[in-house]
């Protein structure tokens, strides 16, 4: 057997996101000069990973949009309103992969459907597999990190105000960073 032979029939391992150790953060410009960051506290999902055949892998994640936290109550209230996420009407942000590709050692490009504010757009996550370890309770853990950038206007999040000096109050580009710790499901 050569090193380039892949066992196409290898079975996927299912991992469940550990919400206490998974972080979904976002960042965008404020007043065109500073970066404001926030996070979502309520995230769940699964990763079906086939290391021998990444194309047979998949990712599903759900974020409760009302769990947004920017450390400023007034800003969070505005972000939850109809000007932005409209959380009562659109309580979830979802990502469902449509394609997983190897992109180098321990790296993957995960393409999927990202739904925010009721609008679904294809989005690519640049993913790094951070490794595996046994936890103190006899289980197995996996770590992944991912990044992407979106234009919030693509998802109908168009609220803004023009600045007298030029530019806008809230940037349109949103940088997303994800840190995942997942637990291995029993076979």
Protein backbone atom coordinates (compact mmCIF):
# COMPACT_ATOMS: atom_id res chain seq x y z
CA UNK A 1 0.00 0.00 0.00
CA UNK A 2 1.45 3.37 -0.98
CA UNK A 3 1.25 6.56 1.08
CA UNK A 4 -1.17 8.07 -1.46
CA UNK A 5 -3.73 5.28 -1.12
CA UNK A 6 -6.81 6.50 0.74
CA UNK A 7 -9.29 4.17 2.37
CA UNK A 8 -12.45 5.61 0.83
CA UNK A 9 -14.65 3.40 3.01
CA UNK A 10 -13.28 4.68 6.34
CA UNK A 11 -16.13 5.61 8.62
CA UNK A 12 -16.71 9.14 9.83
CA UNK A 13 -16.30 9.97 13.51
CA UNK A 14 -19.06 12.12 14.95
CA UNK A 15 -18.09 14.94 17.30
CA UNK A 16 -20.53 17.11 19.25
CA UNK A 17 -19.64 20.75 19.92
CA UNK A 18 -19.04 21.45 23.60
CA UNK A 19 -20.82 24.80 24.11
CA UNK A 20 -18.83 25.58 27.26
CA UNK A 21 -15.58 25.37 25.28
CA UNK A 22 -16.68 26.65 21.87
CA UNK A 23 -16.42 30.31 20.97
CA UNK A 24 -17.97 32.11 17.99
CA UNK A 25 -16.66 35.67 17.74
CA UNK A 26 -17.16 38.45 15.22
CA UNK A 27 -15.49 41.77 14.59
CA UNK A 28 -16.35 44.81 12.49
CA UNK A 29 -15.31 48.43 12.23
CA UNK A 30 -17.02 51.16 14.25
CA UNK A 31 -16.84 54.74 12.97
CA UNK A 32 -14.31 53.47 10.41
CA UNK A 33 -11.46 53.70 12.94
CA UNK A 34 -11.87 51.04 15.63
CA UNK A 35 -12.77 47.37 15.72
CA UNK A 36 -15.68 46.21 17.86
CA UNK A 37 -15.86 42.55 18.79
CA UNK A 38 -18.65 40.37 20.05
CA UNK A 39 -19.54 36.76 20.51
CA UNK A 40 -22.45 34.36 20.59
CA UNK A 41 -22.77 32.39 23.82
CA UNK A 42 -25.26 29.71 22.70
CA UNK A 43 -23.86 27.43 20.01
CA UNK A 44 -24.46 23.75 19.25
CA UNK A 45 -23.65 21.39 16.43
CA UNK A 46 -21.96 18.28 15.12
CA UNK A 47 -18.97 17.42 12.99
CA UNK A 48 -18.93 14.13 11.07
CA UNK A 49 -15.25 13.80 10.23
CA UNK A 50 -13.80 11.30 7.83
CA UNK A 51 -10.04 11.94 8.00
CA UNK A 52 -9.27 9.46 5.22
CA UNK A 53 -11.82 11.03 2.89
CA UNK A 54 -12.54 14.68 3.82
CA UNK A 55 -15.18 14.93 1.08
CA UNK A 56 -17.29 12.48 3.13
CA UNK A 57 -17.16 14.83 6.15
CA UNK A 58 -19.86 17.32 7.19
CA UNK A 59 -20.51 20.11 9.67
CA UNK A 60 -23.76 21.45 11.13
CA UNK A 61 -23.97 24.31 13.62
CA UNK A 62 -26.75 26.35 15.21
CA UNK A 63 -26.26 29.66 17.02
CA UNK A 64 -29.04 31.27 19.03
CA UNK A 65 -29.01 34.83 17.70
CA UNK A 66 -30.32 36.27 20.99
CA UNK A 67 -27.13 35.07 22.70
CA UNK A 68 -25.16 37.91 21.09
CA UNK A 69 -22.82 39.66 23.54
CA UNK A 70 -20.70 42.71 22.79
CA UNK A 71 -20.27 43.67 26.47
CA UNK A 72 -22.55 46.68 25.96
CA UNK A 73 -26.24 46.15 26.78
CA UNK A 74 -27.46 49.07 24.65
CA UNK A 75 -25.53 47.86 21.60
CA UNK A 76 -26.70 44.26 22.16
CA UNK A 77 -30.32 45.44 22.31
CA UNK A 78 -29.86 47.30 19.02
CA UNK A 79 -28.20 44.27 17.38
CA UNK A 80 -31.13 42.08 18.48
CA UNK A 81 -33.67 44.54 16.99
CA UNK A 82 -35.21 44.68 13.50
CA UNK A 83 -32.32 46.94 12.43
CA UNK A 84 -30.00 43.93 12.58
CA UNK A 85 -30.63 40.30 13.63
CA UNK A 86 -34.35 40.60 14.45
CA UNK A 87 -33.93 37.75 16.94
CA UNK A 88 -37.61 37.16 17.69
CA UNK A 89 -38.34 36.56 14.00
CA UNK A 90 -35.01 34.84 13.22
CA UNK A 91 -33.95 33.06 16.42
CA UNK A 92 -31.18 30.98 14.83
CA UNK A 93 -28.08 31.43 12.73
CA UNK A 94 -27.17 28.16 11.01
CA UNK A 95 -24.30 26.70 9.03
CA UNK A 96 -24.62 23.44 7.08
CA UNK A 97 -21.64 22.27 5.07
CA UNK A 98 -22.01 21.36 1.41
CA UNK A 99 -18.36 20.50 0.67
CA UNK A 100 -15.25 19.68 2.71
CA UNK A 101 -11.83 19.73 1.05
CA UNK A 102 -8.33 19.09 2.37
CA UNK A 103 -6.24 22.29 2.14
CA UNK A 104 -2.88 21.11 3.48
CA UNK A 105 -1.63 19.48 6.66
CA UNK A 106 -4.42 19.64 9.25
CA UNK A 107 -6.24 22.30 7.20
CA UNK A 108 -9.59 22.20 5.42
CA UNK A 109 -11.83 24.43 3.34
CA UNK A 110 -15.40 23.89 4.47
CA UNK A 111 -17.99 25.36 2.12
CA UNK A 112 -21.53 25.58 3.36
CA UNK A 113 -24.82 27.41 3.58
CA UNK A 114 -24.76 30.16 6.20
CA UNK A 115 -28.19 31.48 7.17
CA UNK A 116 -28.45 34.78 9.02
CA UNK A 117 -31.61 36.89 9.31
CA UNK A 118 -33.48 34.40 7.11
CA UNK A 119 -31.03 34.77 4.20
CA UNK A 120 -28.85 31.84 3.11
CA UNK A 121 -25.55 32.41 1.31
CA UNK A 122 -22.64 30.10 0.47
CA UNK A 123 -19.71 30.72 2.82
CA UNK A 124 -16.24 29.21 3.05
CA UNK A 125 -14.60 28.49 6.40
CA UNK A 126 -10.83 28.12 6.52
CA UNK A 127 -10.44 25.39 9.17
CA UNK A 128 -7.44 24.13 11.11
CA UNK A 129 -7.60 20.79 12.90
CA UNK A 130 -5.97 21.55 16.28
CA UNK A 131 -5.70 17.90 17.35
CA UNK A 132 -7.14 15.34 19.75
CA UNK A 133 -6.72 14.54 23.43
CA UNK A 134 -8.23 12.37 26.15
CA UNK A 135 -10.09 14.32 28.81
CA UNK A 136 -9.94 13.55 32.56
CA UNK A 137 -13.33 11.79 32.40
CA UNK A 138 -12.32 9.12 29.87
CA UNK A 139 -13.70 10.83 26.79
CA UNK A 140 -11.95 12.06 23.69
CA UNK A 141 -11.85 15.72 22.63
CA UNK A 142 -11.04 17.39 19.31
CA UNK A 143 -10.14 20.99 18.64
CA UNK A 144 -10.76 23.05 15.51
CA UNK A 145 -10.37 26.71 14.64
CA UNK A 146 -11.97 28.47 11.69
CA UNK A 147 -12.14 31.90 10.10
CA UNK A 148 -14.17 33.61 7.41
CA UNK A 149 -15.31 37.06 6.33
CA UNK A 150 -18.78 38.06 5.22
CA UNK A 151 -20.47 41.23 4.00
CA UNK A 152 -23.42 41.70 6.33
CA UNK A 153 -25.43 43.40 3.56
CA UNK A 154 -25.54 40.01 1.78
CA UNK A 155 -27.73 38.81 4.65
CA UNK A 156 -30.09 41.80 4.66
CA UNK A 157 -28.25 43.51 7.55
CA UNK A 158 -28.10 46.93 5.95
CA UNK A 159 -28.74 49.40 8.80
CA UNK A 160 -26.18 52.18 8.97
CA UNK A 161 -25.68 55.90 9.36
CA UNK A 162 -23.42 58.07 7.25
CA UNK A 163 -20.67 59.98 9.01
CA UNK A 164 -20.21 63.69 8.40
CA UNK A 165 -16.52 63.02 7.77
CA UNK A 166 -17.31 60.24 5.25
CA UNK A 167 -17.79 56.56 5.83
CA UNK A 168 -20.37 54.84 8.00
CA UNK A 169 -21.00 54.08 11.66
CA UNK A 170 -20.85 50.27 11.31
CA UNK A 171 -18.54 48.49 8.85
CA UNK A 172 -20.03 46.11 6.33
CA UNK A 173 -17.29 43.49 6.47
CA UNK A 174 -17.61 41.11 9.43
CA UNK A 175 -14.68 38.91 10.38
CA UNK A 176 -15.73 35.66 12.06
CA UNK A 177 -13.45 33.53 14.23
CA UNK A 178 -14.52 30.18 15.64
CA UNK A 179 -12.78 28.06 18.27
CA UNK A 180 -14.34 24.62 18.71
CA UNK A 181 -13.84 21.94 21.30
CA UNK A 182 -15.90 18.87 20.53
CA UNK A 183 -16.51 15.57 22.29
CA UNK A 184 -16.36 12.25 20.46
CA UNK A 185 -19.71 10.48 20.30
CA UNK A 186 -19.86 6.86 21.40
CA UNK A 187 -19.59 4.41 18.50
